[in-house]
């Protein structure tokens, strides 16, 4: 399986997309960079996903794992594919423990 997508985490909230591109573009062409933002505040959450155009570039970029960025050691790993169960939330079914979409019985 071809893997060219990295998870990059543990960097300060002050780091922006341009800084990440600067750090990681030396390894190869970046085809996509997705900084994850907090839904409520609109601020970065301190992690991102970077997709390189080649697997070799992604593998070389793994050497950034543990390197300092803004005073914090970055965590850089190959991104894990999420299973597509859909939904989200607790329990995966309507957000209620135990599942289902019926109202709770109090």
PDB file of N, CA and C in Angstrom:
ATOM      1  N   UNK A   1       0.847  -1.191   0.000  1.00  0.00           N
ATOM      2  CA  UNK A   1       0.000   0.000   0.000  1.00  0.00           C
ATOM      3  C   UNK A   1       0.884   1.243   0.000  1.00  0.00           C
ATOM      4  N   UNK A   2       0.607   2.163  -0.844  1.00  0.00           N
ATOM      5  CA  UNK A   2       1.359   3.402  -0.954  1.00  0.00           C
ATOM      6  C   UNK A   2       0.939   4.344   0.165  1.00  0.00           C
ATOM      7  N   UNK A   3       1.922   4.808   0.926  1.00  0.00           N
ATOM      8  CA  UNK A   3       1.619   5.695   2.050  1.00  0.00           C
ATOM      9  C   UNK A   3       2.463   6.954   1.912  1.00  0.00           C
ATOM     10  N   UNK A   4       1.810   8.072   1.671  1.00  0.00           N
ATOM     11  CA  UNK A   4       2.529   9.334   1.521  1.00  0.00           C
ATOM     12  C   UNK A   4       1.918  10.457   2.347  1.00  0.00           C
ATOM     13  N   UNK A   5       1.116  10.101   3.339  1.00  0.00           N
ATOM     14  CA  UNK A   5       0.451  11.088   4.185  1.00  0.00           C
ATOM     15  C   UNK A   5       0.990  10.987   5.606  1.00  0.00           C
ATOM     16  N   UNK A   6       1.383  12.135   6.165  1.00  0.00           N
ATOM     17  CA  UNK A   6       1.940  12.181   7.504  1.00  0.00           C
ATOM     18  C   UNK A   6       1.004  12.884   8.475  1.00  0.00           C
ATOM     19  N   UNK A   7       1.045  12.420   9.706  1.00  0.00           N
ATOM     20  CA  UNK A   7       0.439  13.128  10.825  1.00  0.00           C
ATOM     21  C   UNK A   7       1.573  13.924  11.467  1.00  0.00           C
ATOM     22  N   UNK A   8       1.357  15.213  11.672  1.00  0.00           N
ATOM     23  CA  UNK A   8       2.330  16.071  12.344  1.00  0.00           C
ATOM     24  C   UNK A   8       1.614  16.714  13.518  1.00  0.00           C
ATOM     25  N   UNK A   9       2.121  16.473  14.719  1.00  0.00           N
ATOM     26  CA  UNK A   9       1.442  16.990  15.900  1.00  0.00           C
ATOM     27  C   UNK A   9       2.399  17.538  16.932  1.00  0.00           C
ATOM     28  N   UNK A  10       1.823  18.035  18.004  1.00  0.00           N
ATOM     29  CA  UNK A  10       2.527  18.586  19.153  1.00  0.00           C
ATOM     30  C   UNK A  10       3.288  19.867  18.840  1.00  0.00           C
ATOM     31  N   UNK A  11       2.829  20.603  17.853  1.00  0.00           N
ATOM     32  CA  UNK A  11       3.466  21.900  17.631  1.00  0.00           C
ATOM     33  C   UNK A  11       2.596  22.994  18.248  1.00  0.00           C
ATOM     34  N   UNK A  12       3.210  24.144  18.581  1.00  0.00           N
ATOM     35  CA  UNK A  12       2.456  25.218  19.243  1.00  0.00           C
ATOM     36  C   UNK A  12       1.320  25.753  18.372  1.00  0.00           C
ATOM     37  N   UNK A  13       0.294  26.253  19.022  1.00  0.00           N
ATOM     38  CA  UNK A  13      -0.852  26.817  18.302  1.00  0.00           C
ATOM     39  C   UNK A  13      -0.457  28.011  17.443  1.00  0.00           C
ATOM     40  N   UNK A  14       0.687  28.619  17.755  1.00  0.00           N
ATOM     41  CA  UNK A  14       1.136  29.793  17.001  1.00  0.00           C
ATOM     42  C   UNK A  14       1.726  29.435  15.639  1.00  0.00           C
ATOM     43  N   UNK A  15       2.037  28.169  15.398  1.00  0.00           N
ATOM     44  CA  UNK A  15       2.596  27.751  14.113  1.00  0.00           C
ATOM     45  C   UNK A  15       1.506  27.809  13.054  1.00  0.00           C
ATOM     46  N   UNK A  16       1.855  28.371  11.889  1.00  0.00           N
ATOM     47  CA  UNK A  16       0.871  28.471  10.816  1.00  0.00           C
ATOM     48  C   UNK A  16       1.261  27.562   9.643  1.00  0.00           C
ATOM     49  N   UNK A  17       0.392  27.519   8.647  1.00  0.00           N
ATOM     50  CA  UNK A  17       0.590  26.652   7.493  1.00  0.00           C
ATOM     51  C   UNK A  17       1.888  26.974   6.757  1.00  0.00           C
ATOM     52  N   UNK A  18       2.209  28.238   6.618  1.00  0.00           N
ATOM     53  CA  UNK A  18       3.433  28.635   5.914  1.00  0.00           C
ATOM     54  C   UNK A  18       4.676  28.083   6.616  1.00  0.00           C
ATOM     55  N   UNK A  19       4.679  28.101   7.934  1.00  0.00           N
ATOM     56  CA  UNK A  19       5.819  27.564   8.682  1.00  0.00           C
ATOM     57  C   UNK A  19       5.954  26.057   8.463  1.00  0.00           C
ATOM     58  N   UNK A  20       4.835  25.348   8.483  1.00  0.00           N
ATOM     59  CA  UNK A  20       4.889  23.910   8.236  1.00  0.00           C
ATOM     60  C   UNK A  20       5.384  23.611   6.827  1.00  0.00           C
ATOM     61  N   UNK A  21       4.917  24.376   5.854  1.00  0.00           N
ATOM     62  CA  UNK A  21       5.377  24.180   4.478  1.00  0.00           C
ATOM     63  C   UNK A  21       6.883  24.399   4.373  1.00  0.00           C
ATOM     64  N   UNK A  22       7.380  25.422   5.053  1.00  0.00           N
ATOM     65  CA  UNK A  22       8.810  25.706   5.027  1.00  0.00           C
ATOM     66  C   UNK A  22       9.610  24.537   5.585  1.00  0.00           C
ATOM     67  N   UNK A  23       9.166  23.993   6.704  1.00  0.00           N
ATOM     68  CA  UNK A  23       9.878  22.891   7.355  1.00  0.00           C
ATOM     69  C   UNK A  23       9.843  21.627   6.497  1.00  0.00           C
ATOM     70  N   UNK A  24       8.681  21.310   5.915  1.00  0.00           N
ATOM     71  CA  UNK A  24       8.518  20.018   5.254  1.00  0.00           C
ATOM     72  C   UNK A  24       8.737  20.028   3.745  1.00  0.00           C
ATOM     73  N   UNK A  25       8.691  21.162   3.098  1.00  0.00           N
ATOM     74  CA  UNK A  25       8.852  21.186   1.637  1.00  0.00           C
ATOM     75  C   UNK A  25      10.260  20.819   1.188  1.00  0.00           C
ATOM     76  N   UNK A  26      11.242  20.861   2.084  1.00  0.00           N
ATOM     77  CA  UNK A  26      12.605  20.467   1.713  1.00  0.00           C
ATOM     78  C   UNK A  26      12.687  18.975   1.383  1.00  0.00           C
ATOM     79  N   UNK A  27      11.691  18.190   1.789  1.00  0.00           N
ATOM     80  CA  UNK A  27      11.696  16.746   1.549  1.00  0.00           C
ATOM     81  C   UNK A  27      11.057  16.361   0.226  1.00  0.00           C
ATOM     82  N   UNK A  28      10.296  17.266  -0.355  1.00  0.00           N
ATOM     83  CA  UNK A  28       9.632  16.977  -1.623  1.00  0.00           C
ATOM     84  C   UNK A  28       8.376  17.813  -1.772  1.00  0.00           C
ATOM     85  N   UNK A  29       7.718  17.599  -2.893  1.00  0.00           N
ATOM     86  CA  UNK A  29       6.507  18.372  -3.199  1.00  0.00           C
ATOM     87  C   UNK A  29       5.359  17.981  -2.274  1.00  0.00           C
ATOM     88  N   UNK A  30       4.755  18.989  -1.664  1.00  0.00           N
ATOM     89  CA  UNK A  30       3.588  18.786  -0.803  1.00  0.00           C
ATOM     90  C   UNK A  30       2.350  18.958  -1.672  1.00  0.00           C
ATOM     91  N   UNK A  31       1.543  17.906  -1.756  1.00  0.00           N
ATOM     92  CA  UNK A  31       0.331  18.002  -2.574  1.00  0.00           C
ATOM     93  C   UNK A  31      -0.865  18.505  -1.766  1.00  0.00           C
ATOM     94  N   UNK A  32      -0.814  18.301  -0.431  1.00  0.00           N
ATOM     95  CA  UNK A  32      -1.903  18.807   0.418  1.00  0.00           C
ATOM     96  C   UNK A  32      -1.389  19.001   1.839  1.00  0.00           C
ATOM     97  N   UNK A  33      -1.806  20.087   2.454  1.00  0.00           N
ATOM     98  CA  UNK A  33      -1.490  20.345   3.855  1.00  0.00           C
ATOM     99  C   UNK A  33      -2.785  20.774   4.525  1.00  0.00           C
ATOM    100  N   UNK A  34      -3.223  19.993   5.491  1.00  0.00           N
ATOM    101  CA  UNK A  34      -4.480  20.292   6.187  1.00  0.00           C
ATOM    102  C   UNK A  34      -4.189  20.528   7.662  1.00  0.00           C
ATOM    103  N   UNK A  35      -4.209  21.794   8.071  1.00  0.00           N
ATOM    104  CA  UNK A  35      -4.082  22.125   9.493  1.00  0.00           C
ATOM    105  C   UNK A  35      -5.460  21.966  10.119  1.00  0.00           C
ATOM    106  N   UNK A  36      -5.506  21.278  11.226  1.00  0.00           N
ATOM    107  CA  UNK A  36      -6.788  21.031  11.880  1.00  0.00           C
ATOM    108  C   UNK A  36      -7.092  22.200  12.819  1.00  0.00           C
ATOM    109  N   UNK A  37      -8.265  22.770  12.631  1.00  0.00           N
ATOM    110  CA  UNK A  37      -8.667  23.954  13.381  1.00  0.00           C
ATOM    111  C   UNK A  37      -9.768  23.611  14.377  1.00  0.00           C
ATOM    112  N   UNK A  38      -9.786  24.327  15.478  1.00  0.00           N
ATOM    113  CA  UNK A  38     -10.832  24.176  16.475  1.00  0.00           C
ATOM    114  C   UNK A  38     -12.128  24.739  15.913  1.00  0.00           C
ATOM    115  N   UNK A  39     -13.164  23.967  15.955  1.00  0.00           N
ATOM    116  CA  UNK A  39     -14.457  24.369  15.381  1.00  0.00           C
ATOM    117  C   UNK A  39     -15.031  25.609  16.062  1.00  0.00           C
ATOM    118  N   UNK A  40     -14.841  25.714  17.370  1.00  0.00           N
ATOM    119  CA  UNK A  40     -15.442  26.815  18.122  1.00  0.00           C
ATOM    120  C   UNK A  40     -14.638  28.106  18.045  1.00  0.00           C
ATOM    121  N   UNK A  41     -13.303  27.995  18.163  1.00  0.00           N
ATOM    122  CA  UNK A  41     -12.476  29.205  18.217  1.00  0.00           C
ATOM    123  C   UNK A  41     -11.876  29.584  16.871  1.00  0.00           C
ATOM    124  N   UNK A  42     -11.784  28.619  15.935  1.00  0.00           N
ATOM    125  CA  UNK A  42     -11.164  28.898  14.645  1.00  0.00           C
ATOM    126  C   UNK A  42      -9.642  28.910  14.705  1.00  0.00           C
ATOM    127  N   UNK A  43      -9.085  28.583  15.878  1.00  0.00           N
ATOM    128  CA  UNK A  43      -7.631  28.557  16.038  1.00  0.00           C
ATOM    129  C   UNK A  43      -7.098  27.159  15.753  1.00  0.00           C
ATOM    130  N   UNK A  44      -5.815  27.066  15.378  1.00  0.00           N
ATOM    131  CA  UNK A  44      -5.216  25.742  15.140  1.00  0.00           C
ATOM    132  C   UNK A  44      -5.233  24.891  16.400  1.00  0.00           C
ATOM    133  N   UNK A  45      -5.355  23.563  16.209  1.00  0.00           N
ATOM    134  CA  UNK A  45      -5.380  22.636  17.333  1.00  0.00           C
ATOM    135  C   UNK A  45      -4.008  22.040  17.630  1.00  0.00           C
ATOM    136  N   UNK A  46      -3.001  22.389  16.845  1.00  0.00           N
ATOM    137  CA  UNK A  46      -1.652  21.895  17.114  1.00  0.00           C
ATOM    138  C   UNK A  46      -1.294  20.623  16.377  1.00  0.00           C
ATOM    139  N   UNK A  47      -2.103  20.256  15.366  1.00  0.00           N
ATOM    140  CA  UNK A  47      -1.707  19.128  14.525  1.00  0.00           C
ATOM    141  C   UNK A  47      -2.222  19.323  13.112  1.00  0.00           C
ATOM    142  N   UNK A  48      -1.595  18.581  12.189  1.00  0.00           N
ATOM    143  CA  UNK A  48      -1.911  18.719  10.776  1.00  0.00           C
ATOM    144  C   UNK A  48      -1.648  17.398  10.067  1.00  0.00           C
ATOM    145  N   UNK A  49      -2.142  17.313   8.845  1.00  0.00           N
ATOM    146  CA  UNK A  49      -1.850  16.194   7.962  1.00  0.00           C
ATOM    147  C   UNK A  49      -1.184  16.758   6.720  1.00  0.00           C
ATOM    148  N   UNK A  50      -0.056  16.164   6.358  1.00  0.00           N
ATOM    149  CA  UNK A  50       0.694  16.616   5.184  1.00  0.00           C
ATOM    150  C   UNK A  50       0.794  15.449   4.220  1.00  0.00           C
ATOM    151  N   UNK A  51       0.336  15.665   2.995  1.00  0.00           N
ATOM    152  CA  UNK A  51       0.415  14.655   1.950  1.00  0.00           C
ATOM    153  C   UNK A  51       1.485  15.076   0.949  1.00  0.00           C
ATOM    154  N   UNK A  52       2.439  14.195   0.732  1.00  0.00           N
ATOM    155  CA  UNK A  52       3.505  14.432  -0.232  1.00  0.00           C
ATOM    156  C   UNK A  52       3.138  13.765  -1.555  1.00  0.00           C
ATOM    157  N   UNK A  53       3.758  14.242  -2.623  1.00  0.00           N
ATOM    158  CA  UNK A  53       3.468  13.648  -3.932  1.00  0.00           C
ATOM    159  C   UNK A  53       4.136  12.283  -4.092  1.00  0.00           C
ATOM    160  N   UNK A  54       5.096  11.945  -3.227  1.00  0.00           N
ATOM    161  CA  UNK A  54       5.734  10.632  -3.317  1.00  0.00           C
ATOM    162  C   UNK A  54       5.907  10.018  -1.932  1.00  0.00           C
ATOM    163  N   UNK A  55       5.914   8.696  -1.906  1.00  0.00           N
ATOM    164  CA  UNK A  55       6.122   7.968  -0.662  1.00  0.00           C
ATOM    165  C   UNK A  55       7.533   8.212  -0.131  1.00  0.00           C
ATOM    166  N   UNK A  56       8.507   8.312  -1.029  1.00  0.00           N
ATOM    167  CA  UNK A  56       9.893   8.533  -0.606  1.00  0.00           C
ATOM    168  C   UNK A  56      10.033   9.846   0.156  1.00  0.00           C
ATOM    169  N   UNK A  57       9.384  10.904  -0.319  1.00  0.00           N
ATOM    170  CA  UNK A  57       9.444  12.201   0.357  1.00  0.00           C
ATOM    171  C   UNK A  57       8.834  12.099   1.755  1.00  0.00           C
ATOM    172  N   UNK A  58       7.711  11.409   1.861  1.00  0.00           N
ATOM    173  CA  UNK A  58       7.052  11.247   3.163  1.00  0.00           C
ATOM    174  C   UNK A  58       7.953  10.474   4.121  1.00  0.00           C
ATOM    175  N   UNK A  59       8.592   9.421   3.633  1.00  0.00           N
ATOM    176  CA  UNK A  59       9.471   8.630   4.486  1.00  0.00           C
ATOM    177  C   UNK A  59      10.669   9.441   4.967  1.00  0.00           C
ATOM    178  N   UNK A  60      11.237  10.262   4.094  1.00  0.00           N
ATOM    179  CA  UNK A  60      12.370  11.109   4.503  1.00  0.00           C
ATOM    180  C   UNK A  60      11.933  12.142   5.530  1.00  0.00           C
ATOM    181  N   UNK A  61      10.731  12.675   5.383  1.00  0.00           N
ATOM    182  CA  UNK A  61      10.231  13.704   6.299  1.00  0.00           C
ATOM    183  C   UNK A  61      10.014  13.166   7.707  1.00  0.00           C
ATOM    184  N   UNK A  62       9.959  11.845   7.858  1.00  0.00           N
ATOM    185  CA  UNK A  62       9.809  11.256   9.194  1.00  0.00           C
ATOM    186  C   UNK A  62      10.972  11.621  10.110  1.00  0.00           C
ATOM    187  N   UNK A  63      12.096  12.044   9.525  1.00  0.00           N
ATOM    188  CA  UNK A  63      13.240  12.433  10.358  1.00  0.00           C
ATOM    189  C   UNK A  63      12.959  13.684  11.178  1.00  0.00           C
ATOM    190  N   UNK A  64      11.862  14.382  10.897  1.00  0.00           N
ATOM    191  CA  UNK A  64      11.473  15.544  11.696  1.00  0.00           C
ATOM    192  C   UNK A  64      10.859  15.143  13.041  1.00  0.00           C
ATOM    193  N   UNK A  65      10.560  13.859  13.207  1.00  0.00           N
ATOM    194  CA  UNK A  65       9.975  13.403  14.466  1.00  0.00           C
ATOM    195  C   UNK A  65      10.912  13.740  15.625  1.00  0.00           C
ATOM    196  N   UNK A  66      10.384  14.446  16.618  1.00  0.00           N
ATOM    197  CA  UNK A  66      11.162  14.828  17.788  1.00  0.00           C
ATOM    198  C   UNK A  66      11.915  16.140  17.644  1.00  0.00           C
ATOM    199  N   UNK A  67      11.959  16.701  16.439  1.00  0.00           N
ATOM    200  CA  UNK A  67      12.647  17.976  16.232  1.00  0.00           C
ATOM    201  C   UNK A  67      11.823  19.115  16.811  1.00  0.00           C
ATOM    202  N   UNK A  68      12.527  20.133  17.277  1.00  0.00           N
ATOM    203  CA  UNK A  68      11.899  21.281  17.909  1.00  0.00           C
ATOM    204  C   UNK A  68      11.242  22.198  16.878  1.00  0.00           C
ATOM    205  N   UNK A  69      10.034  22.596  17.159  1.00  0.00           N
ATOM    206  CA  UNK A  69       9.351  23.627  16.374  1.00  0.00           C
ATOM    207  C   UNK A  69       8.620  24.520  17.363  1.00  0.00           C
ATOM    208  N   UNK A  70       9.078  25.740  17.502  1.00  0.00           N
ATOM    209  CA  UNK A  70       8.448  26.681  18.423  1.00  0.00           C
ATOM    210  C   UNK A  70       8.559  26.278  19.873  1.00  0.00           C
ATOM    211  N   UNK A  71       9.627  25.564  20.213  1.00  0.00           N
ATOM    212  CA  UNK A  71       9.835  25.172  21.604  1.00  0.00           C
ATOM    213  C   UNK A  71       9.205  23.849  22.009  1.00  0.00           C
ATOM    214  N   UNK A  72       8.655  23.124  21.033  1.00  0.00           N
ATOM    215  CA  UNK A  72       8.028  21.829  21.341  1.00  0.00           C
ATOM    216  C   UNK A  72       8.544  20.766  20.377  1.00  0.00           C
ATOM    217  N   UNK A  73       8.722  19.536  20.863  1.00  0.00           N
ATOM    218  CA  UNK A  73       9.166  18.462  19.971  1.00  0.00           C
ATOM    219  C   UNK A  73       7.996  17.944  19.132  1.00  0.00           C
ATOM    220  N   UNK A  74       8.133  18.023  17.822  1.00  0.00           N
ATOM    221  CA  UNK A  74       7.059  17.560  16.939  1.00  0.00           C
ATOM    222  C   UNK A  74       6.933  16.041  16.979  1.00  0.00           C
ATOM    223  N   UNK A  75       5.726  15.580  16.766  1.00  0.00           N
ATOM    224  CA  UNK A  75       5.455  14.160  16.563  1.00  0.00           C
ATOM    225  C   UNK A  75       5.113  13.995  15.093  1.00  0.00           C
ATOM    226  N   UNK A  76       5.905  13.198  14.408  1.00  0.00           N
ATOM    227  CA  UNK A  76       5.694  12.987  12.980  1.00  0.00           C
ATOM    228  C   UNK A  76       5.615  11.484  12.732  1.00  0.00           C
ATOM    229  N   UNK A  77       4.463  11.034  12.239  1.00  0.00           N
ATOM    230  CA  UNK A  77       4.228   9.615  11.950  1.00  0.00           C
ATOM    231  C   UNK A  77       3.507   9.503  10.615  1.00  0.00           C
ATOM    232  N   UNK A  78       3.532   8.292  10.067  1.00  0.00           N
ATOM    233  CA  UNK A  78       2.675   8.020   8.920  1.00  0.00           C
ATOM    234  C   UNK A  78       1.237   8.102   9.423  1.00  0.00           C
ATOM    235  N   UNK A  79       0.386   8.756   8.668  1.00  0.00           N
ATOM    236  CA  UNK A  79      -1.021   8.893   9.064  1.00  0.00           C
ATOM    237  C   UNK A  79      -1.711   7.542   8.964  1.00  0.00           C
ATOM    238  N   UNK A  80      -2.546   7.266   9.935  1.00  0.00           N
ATOM    239  CA  UNK A  80      -3.313   6.019   9.933  1.00  0.00           C
ATOM    240  C   UNK A  80      -4.648   6.265   9.261  1.00  0.00           C
ATOM    241  N   UNK A  81      -5.054   5.349   8.427  1.00  0.00           N
ATOM    242  CA  UNK A  81      -6.342   5.450   7.750  1.00  0.00           C
ATOM    243  C   UNK A  81      -7.444   5.169   8.755  1.00  0.00           C
ATOM    244  N   UNK A  82      -8.430   6.056   8.822  1.00  0.00           N
ATOM    245  CA  UNK A  82      -9.562   5.836   9.727  1.00  0.00           C
ATOM    246  C   UNK A  82     -10.547   4.904   9.051  1.00  0.00           C
ATOM    247  N   UNK A  83     -11.165   4.043   9.844  1.00  0.00           N
ATOM    248  CA  UNK A  83     -12.199   3.202   9.273  1.00  0.00           C
ATOM    249  C   UNK A  83     -13.430   4.067   9.038  1.00  0.00           C
ATOM    250  N   UNK A  84     -14.180   3.745   8.019  1.00  0.00           N
ATOM    251  CA  UNK A  84     -15.317   4.589   7.641  1.00  0.00           C
ATOM    252  C   UNK A  84     -16.610   4.034   8.221  1.00  0.00           C
ATOM    253  N   UNK A  85     -16.748   4.193   9.529  1.00  0.00           N
ATOM    254  CA  UNK A  85     -17.980   3.768  10.196  1.00  0.00           C
ATOM    255  C   UNK A  85     -19.048   4.833  10.092  1.00  0.00           C
ATOM    256  N   UNK A  86     -18.609   6.042   9.735  1.00  0.00           N
ATOM    257  CA  UNK A  86     -19.568   7.131   9.620  1.00  0.00           C
ATOM    258  C   UNK A  86     -19.986   7.653  10.969  1.00  0.00           C
ATOM    259  N   UNK A  87     -20.754   8.671  10.957  1.00  0.00           N
ATOM    260  CA  UNK A  87     -21.324   9.180  12.198  1.00  0.00           C
ATOM    261  C   UNK A  87     -20.366  10.012  13.000  1.00  0.00           C
ATOM    262  N   UNK A  88     -19.612   9.381  13.821  1.00  0.00           N
ATOM    263  CA  UNK A  88     -18.777  10.114  14.762  1.00  0.00           C
ATOM    264  C   UNK A  88     -19.510  10.208  16.080  1.00  0.00           C
ATOM    265  N   UNK A  89     -18.960  10.929  16.991  1.00  0.00           N
ATOM    266  CA  UNK A  89     -19.604  11.053  18.292  1.00  0.00           C
ATOM    267  C   UNK A  89     -19.431   9.801  19.112  1.00  0.00           C
ATOM    268  N   UNK A  90     -20.051   9.767  20.255  1.00  0.00           N
ATOM    269  CA  UNK A  90     -19.918   8.624  21.157  1.00  0.00           C
ATOM    270  C   UNK A  90     -20.732   7.437  20.656  1.00  0.00           C
ATOM    271  N   UNK A  91     -20.121   6.291  20.691  1.00  0.00           N
ATOM    272  CA  UNK A  91     -20.840   5.075  20.352  1.00  0.00           C
ATOM    273  C   UNK A  91     -21.065   4.883  18.865  1.00  0.00           C
ATOM    274  N   UNK A  92     -20.858   5.903  18.053  1.00  0.00           N
ATOM    275  CA  UNK A  92     -21.008   5.767  16.615  1.00  0.00           C
ATOM    276  C   UNK A  92     -22.441   5.719  16.127  1.00  0.00           C
ATOM    277  N   UNK A  93     -23.416   5.819  17.045  1.00  0.00           N
ATOM    278  CA  UNK A  93     -24.820   5.761  16.621  1.00  0.00           C
ATOM    279  C   UNK A  93     -25.589   6.876  17.292  1.00  0.00           C
ATOM    280  N   UNK A  94     -25.679   7.962  16.619  1.00  0.00           N
ATOM    281  CA  UNK A  94     -26.474   9.060  17.147  1.00  0.00           C
ATOM    282  C   UNK A  94     -25.874   9.730  18.369  1.00  0.00           C
ATOM    283  N   UNK A  95     -24.652   9.367  18.719  1.00  0.00           N
ATOM    284  CA  UNK A  95     -23.971  10.017  19.820  1.00  0.00           C
ATOM    285  C   UNK A  95     -24.396   9.560  21.204  1.00  0.00           C
ATOM    286  N   UNK A  96     -25.270   8.563  21.303  1.00  0.00           N
ATOM    287  CA  UNK A  96     -25.702   8.094  22.608  1.00  0.00           C
ATOM    288  C   UNK A  96     -25.006   6.786  22.945  1.00  0.00           C
ATOM    289  N   UNK A  97     -24.528   6.672  24.175  1.00  0.00           N
ATOM    290  CA  UNK A  97     -24.004   5.365  24.570  1.00  0.00           C
ATOM    291  C   UNK A  97     -25.113   4.334  24.428  1.00  0.00           C
ATOM    292  N   UNK A  98     -24.787   3.228  23.848  1.00  0.00           N
ATOM    293  CA  UNK A  98     -25.814   2.217  23.628  1.00  0.00           C
ATOM    294  C   UNK A  98     -26.448   2.321  22.260  1.00  0.00           C
ATOM    295  N   UNK A  99     -26.217   3.423  21.571  1.00  0.00           N
ATOM    296  CA  UNK A  99     -26.663   3.580  20.197  1.00  0.00           C
ATOM    297  C   UNK A  99     -28.119   3.950  20.055  1.00  0.00           C
ATOM    298  N   UNK A 100     -28.529   4.000  18.824  1.00  0.00           N
ATOM    299  CA  UNK A 100     -29.921   4.311  18.512  1.00  0.00           C
ATOM    300  C   UNK A 100     -30.191   5.798  18.495  1.00  0.00           C
ATOM    301  N   UNK A 101     -31.296   6.164  17.894  1.00  0.00           N
ATOM    302  CA  UNK A 101     -31.666   7.575  17.812  1.00  0.00           C
ATOM    303  C   UNK A 101     -32.919   7.882  18.614  1.00  0.00           C
ATOM    304  N   UNK A 102     -33.323   6.952  19.438  1.00  0.00           N
ATOM    305  CA  UNK A 102     -34.517   7.218  20.231  1.00  0.00           C
ATOM    306  C   UNK A 102     -34.163   8.080  21.443  1.00  0.00           C
ATOM    307  N   UNK A 103     -35.100   8.816  21.943  1.00  0.00           N
ATOM    308  CA  UNK A 103     -34.817   9.697  23.089  1.00  0.00           C
ATOM    309  C   UNK A 103     -34.492   8.891  24.328  1.00  0.00           C
ATOM    310  N   UNK A 104     -33.713   9.457  25.232  1.00  0.00           N
ATOM    311  CA  UNK A 104     -33.371   8.728  26.454  1.00  0.00           C
ATOM    312  C   UNK A 104     -34.604   8.558  27.328  1.00  0.00           C
ATOM    313  N   UNK A 105     -34.597   7.500  28.127  1.00  0.00           N
ATOM    314  CA  UNK A 105     -35.709   7.247  29.059  1.00  0.00           C
ATOM    315  C   UNK A 105     -35.229   7.678  30.430  1.00  0.00           C
ATOM    316  N   UNK A 106     -35.809   8.724  30.953  1.00  0.00           N
ATOM    317  CA  UNK A 106     -35.380   9.250  32.278  1.00  0.00           C
ATOM    318  C   UNK A 106     -36.322   8.850  33.305  1.00  0.00           C
TER     319      UNK A 106
END
